[in-house]
Amino acid sequence: MTNKWDALRSAISPERREANRAAAQKMMAEMPLEELRSARNITQTHLDPLLRITQASVSKMEKRTDMYVSTLRSLAQAMGGELEIRTIFPDGIVKIDQFSTLNTTEKQ
């Protein structure tokens, strides 16, 4: 027995399915910090002891448009990731490794 979702899914053309998949991939590849944390099923309360700051500070951090690289690296690591900074040129991509020696235990 098929359910309503199966019926809806089968009514979508393969081209539309591919376009939807590509759009979803793009959304997952680019998102604000708050959405990234939420997509990874991590709460601000979970991050505050890892970052040694309050939940309110985590909230403020997620809304900032400018922050230290070390702060962003700490946030990425607290969510289980690594921060990579790249410069994209028409003829290729260069990973900037200047920040790889930052002291990530330093609180910003």
PDB file of N, CA and C in Angstrom:
ATOM      1  N   MET A   1       0.833  -1.179   0.000  1.00  0.00           N
ATOM      2  CA  MET A   1       0.000   0.000   0.000  1.00  0.00           C
ATOM      3  C   MET A   1       0.883   1.250   0.000  1.00  0.00           C
ATOM      4  N   THR A   2       0.610   2.162  -0.908  1.00  0.00           N
ATOM      5  CA  THR A   2       1.393   3.391  -0.963  1.00  0.00           C
ATOM      6  C   THR A   2       0.728   4.465  -0.115  1.00  0.00           C
ATOM      7  N   ASN A   3       1.542   5.327   0.433  1.00  0.00           N
ATOM      8  CA  ASN A   3       0.987   6.431   1.216  1.00  0.00           C
ATOM      9  C   ASN A   3       0.961   7.706   0.369  1.00  0.00           C
ATOM     10  N   LYS A   4       0.463   8.778   0.923  1.00  0.00           N
ATOM     11  CA  LYS A   4       0.327  10.032   0.189  1.00  0.00           C
ATOM     12  C   LYS A   4       1.679  10.564  -0.288  1.00  0.00           C
ATOM     13  N   TRP A   5       2.714  10.397   0.537  1.00  0.00           N
ATOM     14  CA  TRP A   5       4.038  10.884   0.139  1.00  0.00           C
ATOM     15  C   TRP A   5       4.549  10.139  -1.078  1.00  0.00           C
ATOM     16  N   ASP A   6       4.338   8.833  -1.110  1.00  0.00           N
ATOM     17  CA  ASP A   6       4.778   8.054  -2.270  1.00  0.00           C
ATOM     18  C   ASP A   6       4.055   8.511  -3.530  1.00  0.00           C
ATOM     19  N   ALA A   7       2.757   8.774  -3.408  1.00  0.00           N
ATOM     20  CA  ALA A   7       1.980   9.244  -4.560  1.00  0.00           C
ATOM     21  C   ALA A   7       2.485  10.608  -5.029  1.00  0.00           C
ATOM     22  N   LEU A   8       2.750  11.497  -4.089  1.00  0.00           N
ATOM     23  CA  LEU A   8       3.265  12.823  -4.445  1.00  0.00           C
ATOM     24  C   LEU A   8       4.649  12.718  -5.083  1.00  0.00           C
ATOM     25  N   ARG A   9       5.497  11.906  -4.483  1.00  0.00           N
ATOM     26  CA  ARG A   9       6.860  11.741  -4.974  1.00  0.00           C
ATOM     27  C   ARG A   9       6.869  11.185  -6.396  1.00  0.00           C
ATOM     28  N   SER A  10       5.993  10.227  -6.673  1.00  0.00           N
ATOM     29  CA  SER A  10       5.971   9.626  -8.008  1.00  0.00           C
ATOM     30  C   SER A  10       5.410  10.590  -9.051  1.00  0.00           C
ATOM     31  N   ALA A  11       4.676  11.599  -8.636  1.00  0.00           N
ATOM     32  CA  ALA A  11       4.123  12.585  -9.563  1.00  0.00           C
ATOM     33  C   ALA A  11       5.147  13.636  -9.979  1.00  0.00           C
ATOM     34  N   ILE A  12       6.266  13.706  -9.275  1.00  0.00           N
ATOM     35  CA  ILE A  12       7.308  14.693  -9.580  1.00  0.00           C
ATOM     36  C   ILE A  12       8.212  14.146 -10.684  1.00  0.00           C
ATOM     37  N   SER A  13       8.464  14.977 -11.672  1.00  0.00           N
ATOM     38  CA  SER A  13       9.309  14.548 -12.795  1.00  0.00           C
ATOM     39  C   SER A  13      10.746  14.342 -12.325  1.00  0.00           C
ATOM     40  N   PRO A  14      11.503  13.484 -13.024  1.00  0.00           N
ATOM     41  CA  PRO A  14      12.910  13.279 -12.668  1.00  0.00           C
ATOM     42  C   PRO A  14      13.716  14.581 -12.721  1.00  0.00           C
ATOM     43  N   GLU A  15      13.405  15.457 -13.659  1.00  0.00           N
ATOM     44  CA  GLU A  15      14.105  16.741 -13.763  1.00  0.00           C
ATOM     45  C   GLU A  15      13.851  17.597 -12.531  1.00  0.00           C
ATOM     46  N   ARG A  16      12.603  17.644 -12.088  1.00  0.00           N
ATOM     47  CA  ARG A  16      12.232  18.433 -10.917  1.00  0.00           C
ATOM     48  C   ARG A  16      12.878  17.832  -9.666  1.00  0.00           C
ATOM     49  N   ARG A  17      12.910  16.502  -9.572  1.00  0.00           N
ATOM     50  CA  ARG A  17      13.559  15.838  -8.430  1.00  0.00           C
ATOM     51  C   ARG A  17      15.032  16.206  -8.362  1.00  0.00           C
ATOM     52  N   GLU A  18      15.697  16.216  -9.524  1.00  0.00           N
ATOM     53  CA  GLU A  18      17.119  16.560  -9.571  1.00  0.00           C
ATOM     54  C   GLU A  18      17.323  18.028  -9.184  1.00  0.00           C
ATOM     55  N   ALA A  19      16.453  18.900  -9.671  1.00  0.00           N
ATOM     56  CA  ALA A  19      16.551  20.320  -9.312  1.00  0.00           C
ATOM     57  C   ALA A  19      16.342  20.499  -7.811  1.00  0.00           C
ATOM     58  N   ASN A  20      15.395  19.782  -7.234  1.00  0.00           N
ATOM     59  CA  ASN A  20      15.154  19.847  -5.783  1.00  0.00           C
ATOM     60  C   ASN A  20      16.356  19.338  -5.003  1.00  0.00           C
ATOM     61  N   ARG A  21      16.951  18.248  -5.473  1.00  0.00           N
ATOM     62  CA  ARG A  21      18.126  17.683  -4.803  1.00  0.00           C
ATOM     63  C   ARG A  21      19.282  18.675  -4.838  1.00  0.00           C
ATOM     64  N   ALA A  22      19.498  19.312  -6.007  1.00  0.00           N
ATOM     65  CA  ALA A  22      20.584  20.287  -6.142  1.00  0.00           C
ATOM     66  C   ALA A  22      20.343  21.502  -5.251  1.00  0.00           C
ATOM     67  N   ALA A  23      19.102  21.963  -5.172  1.00  0.00           N
ATOM     68  CA  ALA A  23      18.774  23.111  -4.316  1.00  0.00           C
ATOM     69  C   ALA A  23      18.992  22.764  -2.847  1.00  0.00           C
ATOM     70  N   ALA A  24      18.613  21.567  -2.449  1.00  0.00           N
ATOM     71  CA  ALA A  24      18.809  21.132  -1.059  1.00  0.00           C
ATOM     72  C   ALA A  24      20.294  21.042  -0.738  1.00  0.00           C
ATOM     73  N   GLN A  25      21.088  20.523  -1.670  1.00  0.00           N
ATOM     74  CA  GLN A  25      22.537  20.434  -1.453  1.00  0.00           C
ATOM     75  C   GLN A  25      23.147  21.816  -1.290  1.00  0.00           C
ATOM     76  N   LYS A  26      22.709  22.770  -2.109  1.00  0.00           N
ATOM     77  CA  LYS A  26      23.234  24.132  -2.012  1.00  0.00           C
ATOM     78  C   LYS A  26      22.870  24.742  -0.660  1.00  0.00           C
ATOM     79  N   MET A  27      21.627  24.516  -0.213  1.00  0.00           N
ATOM     80  CA  MET A  27      21.214  25.052   1.089  1.00  0.00           C
ATOM     81  C   MET A  27      22.039  24.454   2.212  1.00  0.00           C
ATOM     82  N   MET A  28      22.381  23.172   2.112  1.00  0.00           N
ATOM     83  CA  MET A  28      23.178  22.527   3.150  1.00  0.00           C
ATOM     84  C   MET A  28      24.640  22.961   3.086  1.00  0.00           C
ATOM     85  N   ALA A  29      25.101  23.407   1.915  1.00  0.00           N
ATOM     86  CA  ALA A  29      26.496  23.819   1.764  1.00  0.00           C
ATOM     87  C   ALA A  29      26.732  25.240   2.259  1.00  0.00           C
ATOM     88  N   GLU A  30      25.680  26.049   2.293  1.00  0.00           N
ATOM     89  CA  GLU A  30      25.812  27.443   2.705  1.00  0.00           C
ATOM     90  C   GLU A  30      24.694  27.783   3.671  1.00  0.00           C
ATOM     91  N   MET A  31      25.048  28.082   4.916  1.00  0.00           N
ATOM     92  CA  MET A  31      24.027  28.467   5.887  1.00  0.00           C
ATOM     93  C   MET A  31      24.648  29.237   7.036  1.00  0.00           C
ATOM     94  N   PRO A  32      23.836  30.074   7.677  1.00  0.00           N
ATOM     95  CA  PRO A  32      24.332  30.796   8.859  1.00  0.00           C
ATOM     96  C   PRO A  32      24.650  29.831  10.005  1.00  0.00           C
ATOM     97  N   LEU A  33      25.458  30.295  10.942  1.00  0.00           N
ATOM     98  CA  LEU A  33      25.871  29.452  12.070  1.00  0.00           C
ATOM     99  C   LEU A  33      24.685  28.892  12.842  1.00  0.00           C
ATOM    100  N   GLU A  34      23.676  29.703  13.078  1.00  0.00           N
ATOM    101  CA  GLU A  34      22.509  29.245  13.838  1.00  0.00           C
ATOM    102  C   GLU A  34      21.816  28.082  13.130  1.00  0.00           C
ATOM    103  N   GLU A  35      21.670  28.177  11.815  1.00  0.00           N
ATOM    104  CA  GLU A  35      21.045  27.096  11.061  1.00  0.00           C
ATOM    105  C   GLU A  35      21.930  25.859  11.029  1.00  0.00           C
ATOM    106  N   LEU A  36      23.241  26.068  10.935  1.00  0.00           N
ATOM    107  CA  LEU A  36      24.182  24.940  10.948  1.00  0.00           C
ATOM    108  C   LEU A  36      24.068  24.171  12.257  1.00  0.00           C
ATOM    109  N   ARG A  37      24.076  24.903  13.370  1.00  0.00           N
ATOM    110  CA  ARG A  37      23.958  24.257  14.680  1.00  0.00           C
ATOM    111  C   ARG A  37      22.647  23.488  14.772  1.00  0.00           C
ATOM    112  N   SER A  38      21.575  24.128  14.358  1.00  0.00           N
ATOM    113  CA  SER A  38      20.259  23.500  14.417  1.00  0.00           C
ATOM    114  C   SER A  38      20.187  22.261  13.511  1.00  0.00           C
ATOM    115  N   ALA A  39      20.755  22.355  12.309  1.00  0.00           N
ATOM    116  CA  ALA A  39      20.750  21.225  11.377  1.00  0.00           C
ATOM    117  C   ALA A  39      21.530  20.036  11.925  1.00  0.00           C
ATOM    118  N   ARG A  40      22.504  20.309  12.783  1.00  0.00           N
ATOM    119  CA  ARG A  40      23.293  19.233  13.387  1.00  0.00           C
ATOM    120  C   ARG A  40      22.677  18.746  14.694  1.00  0.00           C
ATOM    121  N   ASN A  41      21.469  19.240  14.996  1.00  0.00           N
ATOM    122  CA  ASN A  41      20.740  18.853  16.220  1.00  0.00           C
ATOM    123  C   ASN A  41      21.546  19.147  17.485  1.00  0.00           C
ATOM    124  N   ILE A  42      22.140  20.331  17.518  1.00  0.00           N
ATOM    125  CA  ILE A  42      22.916  20.768  18.675  1.00  0.00           C
ATOM    126  C   ILE A  42      22.230  22.011  19.236  1.00  0.00           C
ATOM    127  N   THR A  43      22.067  22.059  20.538  1.00  0.00           N
ATOM    128  CA  THR A  43      21.441  23.223  21.168  1.00  0.00           C
ATOM    129  C   THR A  43      22.514  24.206  21.635  1.00  0.00           C
ATOM    130  N   GLN A  44      22.103  25.442  21.820  1.00  0.00           N
ATOM    131  CA  GLN A  44      23.016  26.438  22.380  1.00  0.00           C
ATOM    132  C   GLN A  44      23.445  26.019  23.773  1.00  0.00           C
ATOM    133  N   THR A  45      22.547  25.433  24.521  1.00  0.00           N
ATOM    134  CA  THR A  45      22.848  24.977  25.884  1.00  0.00           C
ATOM    135  C   THR A  45      23.909  23.882  25.870  1.00  0.00           C
ATOM    136  N   HIS A  46      23.917  23.065  24.827  1.00  0.00           N
ATOM    137  CA  HIS A  46      24.934  22.019  24.702  1.00  0.00           C
ATOM    138  C   HIS A  46      26.313  22.647  24.449  1.00  0.00           C
ATOM    139  N   LEU A  47      26.341  23.752  23.699  1.00  0.00           N
ATOM    140  CA  LEU A  47      27.614  24.384  23.342  1.00  0.00           C
ATOM    141  C   LEU A  47      28.222  25.222  24.455  1.00  0.00           C
ATOM    142  N   ASP A  48      27.382  25.811  25.319  1.00  0.00           N
ATOM    143  CA  ASP A  48      27.931  26.764  26.297  1.00  0.00           C
ATOM    144  C   ASP A  48      29.019  26.184  27.194  1.00  0.00           C
ATOM    145  N   PRO A  49      28.886  24.966  27.737  1.00  0.00           N
ATOM    146  CA  PRO A  49      30.008  24.474  28.551  1.00  0.00           C
ATOM    147  C   PRO A  49      31.242  24.122  27.706  1.00  0.00           C
ATOM    148  N   LEU A  50      31.027  23.705  26.464  1.00  0.00           N
ATOM    149  CA  LEU A  50      32.155  23.370  25.598  1.00  0.00           C
ATOM    150  C   LEU A  50      32.970  24.614  25.245  1.00  0.00           C
ATOM    151  N   LEU A  51      32.275  25.731  25.089  1.00  0.00           N
ATOM    152  CA  LEU A  51      32.940  26.983  24.746  1.00  0.00           C
ATOM    153  C   LEU A  51      33.287  27.811  25.983  1.00  0.00           C
ATOM    154  N   ARG A  52      32.807  27.358  27.139  1.00  0.00           N
ATOM    155  CA  ARG A  52      33.013  28.054  28.416  1.00  0.00           C
ATOM    156  C   ARG A  52      32.441  29.473  28.380  1.00  0.00           C
ATOM    157  N   ILE A  53      31.236  29.576  27.824  1.00  0.00           N
ATOM    158  CA  ILE A  53      30.502  30.839  27.797  1.00  0.00           C
ATOM    159  C   ILE A  53      29.038  30.533  28.108  1.00  0.00           C
ATOM    160  N   THR A  54      28.239  31.551  28.295  1.00  0.00           N
ATOM    161  CA  THR A  54      26.816  31.344  28.603  1.00  0.00           C
ATOM    162  C   THR A  54      26.027  31.057  27.328  1.00  0.00           C
ATOM    163  N   GLN A  55      24.831  30.520  27.501  1.00  0.00           N
ATOM    164  CA  GLN A  55      23.939  30.265  26.370  1.00  0.00           C
ATOM    165  C   GLN A  55      23.625  31.570  25.644  1.00  0.00           C
ATOM    166  N   ALA A  56      23.438  32.651  26.392  1.00  0.00           N
ATOM    167  CA  ALA A  56      23.163  33.953  25.780  1.00  0.00           C
ATOM    168  C   ALA A  56      24.340  34.401  24.910  1.00  0.00           C
ATOM    169  N   SER A  57      25.550  34.103  25.344  1.00  0.00           N
ATOM    170  CA  SER A  57      26.734  34.454  24.554  1.00  0.00           C
ATOM    171  C   SER A  57      26.815  33.629  23.277  1.00  0.00           C
ATOM    172  N   VAL A  58      26.403  32.370  23.349  1.00  0.00           N
ATOM    173  CA  VAL A  58      26.347  31.536  22.137  1.00  0.00           C
ATOM    174  C   VAL A  58      25.365  32.157  21.156  1.00  0.00           C
ATOM    175  N   SER A  59      24.214  32.584  21.646  1.00  0.00           N
ATOM    176  CA  SER A  59      23.198  33.217  20.799  1.00  0.00           C
ATOM    177  C   SER A  59      23.755  34.475  20.132  1.00  0.00           C
ATOM    178  N   LYS A  60      24.431  35.309  20.907  1.00  0.00           N
ATOM    179  CA  LYS A  60      25.023  36.536  20.351  1.00  0.00           C
ATOM    180  C   LYS A  60      26.088  36.206  19.309  1.00  0.00           C
ATOM    181  N   MET A  61      26.888  35.191  19.589  1.00  0.00           N
ATOM    182  CA  MET A  61      27.954  34.788  18.680  1.00  0.00           C
ATOM    183  C   MET A  61      27.376  34.361  17.327  1.00  0.00           C
ATOM    184  N   GLU A  62      26.279  33.625  17.358  1.00  0.00           N
ATOM    185  CA  GLU A  62      25.671  33.141  16.123  1.00  0.00           C
ATOM    186  C   GLU A  62      25.149  34.284  15.256  1.00  0.00           C
ATOM    187  N   LYS A  63      24.821  35.392  15.867  1.00  0.00           N
ATOM    188  CA  LYS A  63      24.260  36.525  15.131  1.00  0.00           C
ATOM    189  C   LYS A  63      25.317  37.516  14.643  1.00  0.00           C
ATOM    190  N   ARG A  64      26.547  37.354  15.097  1.00  0.00           N
ATOM    191  CA  ARG A  64      27.615  38.292  14.729  1.00  0.00           C
ATOM    192  C   ARG A  64      27.989  38.129  13.258  1.00  0.00           C
ATOM    193  N   THR A  65      28.308  39.253  12.628  1.00  0.00           N
ATOM    194  CA  THR A  65      28.777  39.210  11.243  1.00  0.00           C
ATOM    195  C   THR A  65      30.287  39.332  11.158  1.00  0.00           C
ATOM    196  N   ASP A  66      30.928  39.605  12.295  1.00  0.00           N
ATOM    197  CA  ASP A  66      32.375  39.761  12.326  1.00  0.00           C
ATOM    198  C   ASP A  66      32.883  39.154  13.636  1.00  0.00           C
ATOM    199  N   MET A  67      33.852  38.250  13.543  1.00  0.00           N
ATOM    200  CA  MET A  67      34.426  37.651  14.750  1.00  0.00           C
ATOM    201  C   MET A  67      35.839  37.176  14.466  1.00  0.00           C
ATOM    202  N   TYR A  68      36.574  36.899  15.519  1.00  0.00           N
ATOM    203  CA  TYR A  68      37.917  36.360  15.380  1.00  0.00           C
ATOM    204  C   TYR A  68      37.861  34.982  14.728  1.00  0.00           C
ATOM    205  N   VAL A  69      38.887  34.687  13.951  1.00  0.00           N
ATOM    206  CA  VAL A  69      38.994  33.367  13.334  1.00  0.00           C
ATOM    207  C   VAL A  69      39.040  32.303  14.429  1.00  0.00           C
ATOM    208  N   SER A  70      39.754  32.577  15.512  1.00  0.00           N
ATOM    209  CA  SER A  70      39.868  31.600  16.605  1.00  0.00           C
ATOM    210  C   SER A  70      38.512  31.330  17.261  1.00  0.00           C
ATOM    211  N   THR A  71      37.648  32.351  17.330  1.00  0.00           N
ATOM    212  CA  THR A  71      36.313  32.159  17.899  1.00  0.00           C
ATOM    213  C   THR A  71      35.479  31.270  16.992  1.00  0.00           C
ATOM    214  N   LEU A  72      35.537  31.538  15.696  1.00  0.00           N
ATOM    215  CA  LEU A  72      34.795  30.726  14.738  1.00  0.00           C
ATOM    216  C   LEU A  72      35.318  29.299  14.726  1.00  0.00           C
ATOM    217  N   ARG A  73      36.638  29.141  14.837  1.00  0.00           N
ATOM    218  CA  ARG A  73      37.237  27.795  14.891  1.00  0.00           C
ATOM    219  C   ARG A  73      36.756  27.039  16.136  1.00  0.00           C
ATOM    220  N   SER A  74      36.717  27.708  17.280  1.00  0.00           N
ATOM    221  CA  SER A  74      36.240  27.077  18.515  1.00  0.00           C
ATOM    222  C   SER A  74      34.789  26.640  18.383  1.00  0.00           C
ATOM    223  N   LEU A  75      33.967  27.476  17.777  1.00  0.00           N
ATOM    224  CA  LEU A  75      32.566  27.136  17.582  1.00  0.00           C
ATOM    225  C   LEU A  75      32.423  25.927  16.662  1.00  0.00           C
ATOM    226  N   ALA A  76      33.176  25.916  15.572  1.00  0.00           N
ATOM    227  CA  ALA A  76      33.133  24.772  14.648  1.00  0.00           C
ATOM    228  C   ALA A  76      33.571  23.490  15.351  1.00  0.00           C
ATOM    229  N   GLN A  77      34.628  23.569  16.135  1.00  0.00           N
ATOM    230  CA  GLN A  77      35.118  22.384  16.844  1.00  0.00           C
ATOM    231  C   GLN A  77      34.127  21.913  17.899  1.00  0.00           C
ATOM    232  N   ALA A  78      33.453  22.848  18.576  1.00  0.00           N
ATOM    233  CA  ALA A  78      32.457  22.470  19.583  1.00  0.00           C
ATOM    234  C   ALA A  78      31.283  21.735  18.942  1.00  0.00           C
ATOM    235  N   MET A  79      31.021  22.022  17.658  1.00  0.00           N
ATOM    236  CA  MET A  79      29.947  21.326  16.936  1.00  0.00           C
ATOM    237  C   MET A  79      30.446  20.039  16.288  1.00  0.00           C
ATOM    238  N   GLY A  80      31.740  19.726  16.482  1.00  0.00           N
ATOM    239  CA  GLY A  80      32.284  18.483  15.947  1.00  0.00           C
ATOM    240  C   GLY A  80      32.940  18.629  14.587  1.00  0.00           C
ATOM    241  N   GLY A  81      33.171  19.855  14.148  1.00  0.00           N
ATOM    242  CA  GLY A  81      33.761  20.086  12.832  1.00  0.00           C
ATOM    243  C   GLY A  81      35.130  20.722  12.925  1.00  0.00           C
ATOM    244  N   GLU A  82      35.662  21.058  11.788  1.00  0.00           N
ATOM    245  CA  GLU A  82      36.932  21.766  11.676  1.00  0.00           C
ATOM    246  C   GLU A  82      36.702  22.972  10.779  1.00  0.00           C
ATOM    247  N   LEU A  83      37.384  24.063  11.047  1.00  0.00           N
ATOM    248  CA  LEU A  83      37.286  25.260  10.236  1.00  0.00           C
ATOM    249  C   LEU A  83      38.381  25.240   9.188  1.00  0.00           C
ATOM    250  N   GLU A  84      38.000  25.500   7.943  1.00  0.00           N
ATOM    251  CA  GLU A  84      38.960  25.598   6.853  1.00  0.00           C
ATOM    252  C   GLU A  84      38.698  26.911   6.132  1.00  0.00           C
ATOM    253  N   ILE A  85      39.732  27.689   5.918  1.00  0.00           N
ATOM    254  CA  ILE A  85      39.594  28.957   5.211  1.00  0.00           C
ATOM    255  C   ILE A  85      40.247  28.803   3.846  1.00  0.00           C
ATOM    256  N   ARG A  86      39.451  29.083   2.818  1.00  0.00           N
ATOM    257  CA  ARG A  86      39.925  28.936   1.447  1.00  0.00           C
ATOM    258  C   ARG A  86      39.680  30.232   0.677  1.00  0.00           C
ATOM    259  N   THR A  87      40.539  30.480  -0.299  1.00  0.00           N
ATOM    260  CA  THR A  87      40.351  31.578  -1.228  1.00  0.00           C
ATOM    261  C   THR A  87      40.071  30.957  -2.586  1.00  0.00           C
ATOM    262  N   ILE A  88      38.991  31.404  -3.214  1.00  0.00           N
ATOM    263  CA  ILE A  88      38.569  30.828  -4.485  1.00  0.00           C
ATOM    264  C   ILE A  88      38.872  31.817  -5.602  1.00  0.00           C
ATOM    265  N   PHE A  89      39.717  31.386  -6.533  1.00  0.00           N
ATOM    266  CA  PHE A  89      40.090  32.176  -7.693  1.00  0.00           C
ATOM    267  C   PHE A  89      39.511  31.519  -8.943  1.00  0.00           C
ATOM    268  N   PRO A  90      39.420  32.249 -10.041  1.00  0.00           N
ATOM    269  CA  PRO A  90      38.916  31.630 -11.275  1.00  0.00           C
ATOM    270  C   PRO A  90      39.743  30.421 -11.717  1.00  0.00           C
ATOM    271  N   ASP A  91      41.045  30.431 -11.403  1.00  0.00           N
ATOM    272  CA  ASP A  91      41.901  29.331 -11.853  1.00  0.00           C
ATOM    273  C   ASP A  91      42.198  28.287 -10.778  1.00  0.00           C
ATOM    274  N   GLY A  92      41.538  28.388  -9.629  1.00  0.00           N
ATOM    275  CA  GLY A  92      41.740  27.359  -8.612  1.00  0.00           C
ATOM    276  C   GLY A  92      41.433  27.841  -7.205  1.00  0.00           C
ATOM    277  N   ILE A  93      41.514  26.922  -6.264  1.00  0.00           N
ATOM    278  CA  ILE A  93      41.216  27.183  -4.860  1.00  0.00           C
ATOM    279  C   ILE A  93      42.492  27.002  -4.048  1.00  0.00           C
ATOM    280  N   VAL A  94      42.732  27.934  -3.130  1.00  0.00           N
ATOM    281  CA  VAL A  94      43.917  27.864  -2.265  1.00  0.00           C
ATOM    282  C   VAL A  94      43.452  27.836  -0.821  1.00  0.00           C
ATOM    283  N   LYS A  95      43.890  26.813  -0.082  1.00  0.00           N
ATOM    284  CA  LYS A  95      43.592  26.741   1.349  1.00  0.00           C
ATOM    285  C   LYS A  95      44.579  27.656   2.078  1.00  0.00           C
ATOM    286  N   ILE A  96      44.061  28.534   2.918  1.00  0.00           N
ATOM    287  CA  ILE A  96      44.905  29.440   3.700  1.00  0.00           C
ATOM    288  C   ILE A  96      45.268  28.711   4.992  1.00  0.00           C
ATOM    289  N   ASP A  97      46.555  28.416   5.187  1.00  0.00           N
ATOM    290  CA  ASP A  97      46.964  27.645   6.360  1.00  0.00           C
ATOM    291  C   ASP A  97      47.581  28.504   7.452  1.00  0.00           C
ATOM    292  N   GLN A  98      47.594  29.790   7.261  1.00  0.00           N
ATOM    293  CA  GLN A  98      48.176  30.716   8.230  1.00  0.00           C
ATOM    294  C   GLN A  98      47.530  30.591   9.605  1.00  0.00           C
ATOM    295  N   PHE A  99      46.265  30.210   9.653  1.00  0.00           N
ATOM    296  CA  PHE A  99      45.523  30.158  10.913  1.00  0.00           C
ATOM    297  C   PHE A  99      45.571  28.787  11.569  1.00  0.00           C
ATOM    298  N   SER A 100      46.249  27.831  10.971  1.00  0.00           N
ATOM    299  CA  SER A 100      46.266  26.471  11.514  1.00  0.00           C
ATOM    300  C   SER A 100      47.029  26.369  12.827  1.00  0.00           C
ATOM    301  N   THR A 101      47.850  27.353  13.145  1.00  0.00           N
ATOM    302  CA  THR A 101      48.627  27.309  14.383  1.00  0.00           C
ATOM    303  C   THR A 101      47.981  28.110  15.506  1.00  0.00           C
ATOM    304  N   LEU A 102      46.759  28.616  15.269  1.00  0.00           N
ATOM    305  CA  LEU A 102      46.075  29.363  16.328  1.00  0.00           C
ATOM    306  C   LEU A 102      45.868  28.500  17.557  1.00  0.00           C
ATOM    307  N   ASN A 103      46.004  29.099  18.723  1.00  0.00           N
ATOM    308  CA  ASN A 103      45.743  28.408  19.971  1.00  0.00           C
ATOM    309  C   ASN A 103      44.233  28.332  20.162  1.00  0.00           C
ATOM    310  N   THR A 104      43.639  27.146  19.928  1.00  0.00           N
ATOM    311  CA  THR A 104      42.187  27.020  19.984  1.00  0.00           C
ATOM    312  C   THR A 104      41.665  26.913  21.424  1.00  0.00           C
ATOM    313  N   THR A 105      42.558  26.799  22.385  1.00  0.00           N
ATOM    314  CA  THR A 105      42.094  26.746  23.778  1.00  0.00           C
ATOM    315  C   THR A 105      41.937  28.145  24.353  1.00  0.00           C
ATOM    316  N   GLU A 106      42.464  29.133  23.623  1.00  0.00           N
ATOM    317  CA  GLU A 106      42.354  30.522  24.085  1.00  0.00           C
ATOM    318  C   GLU A 106      40.925  31.005  23.925  1.00  0.00           C
ATOM    319  N   LYS A 107      40.350  31.550  24.971  1.00  0.00           N
ATOM    320  CA  LYS A 107      38.958  32.006  24.952  1.00  0.00           C
ATOM    321  C   LYS A 107      38.888  33.405  24.355  1.00  0.00           C
ATOM    322  N   GLN A 108      38.023  33.585  23.337  1.00  0.00           N
ATOM    323  CA  GLN A 108      37.870  34.894  22.694  1.00  0.00           C
ATOM    324  C   GLN A 108      36.601  35.555  23.164  1.00  0.00           C
TER     325      GLN A 108
END
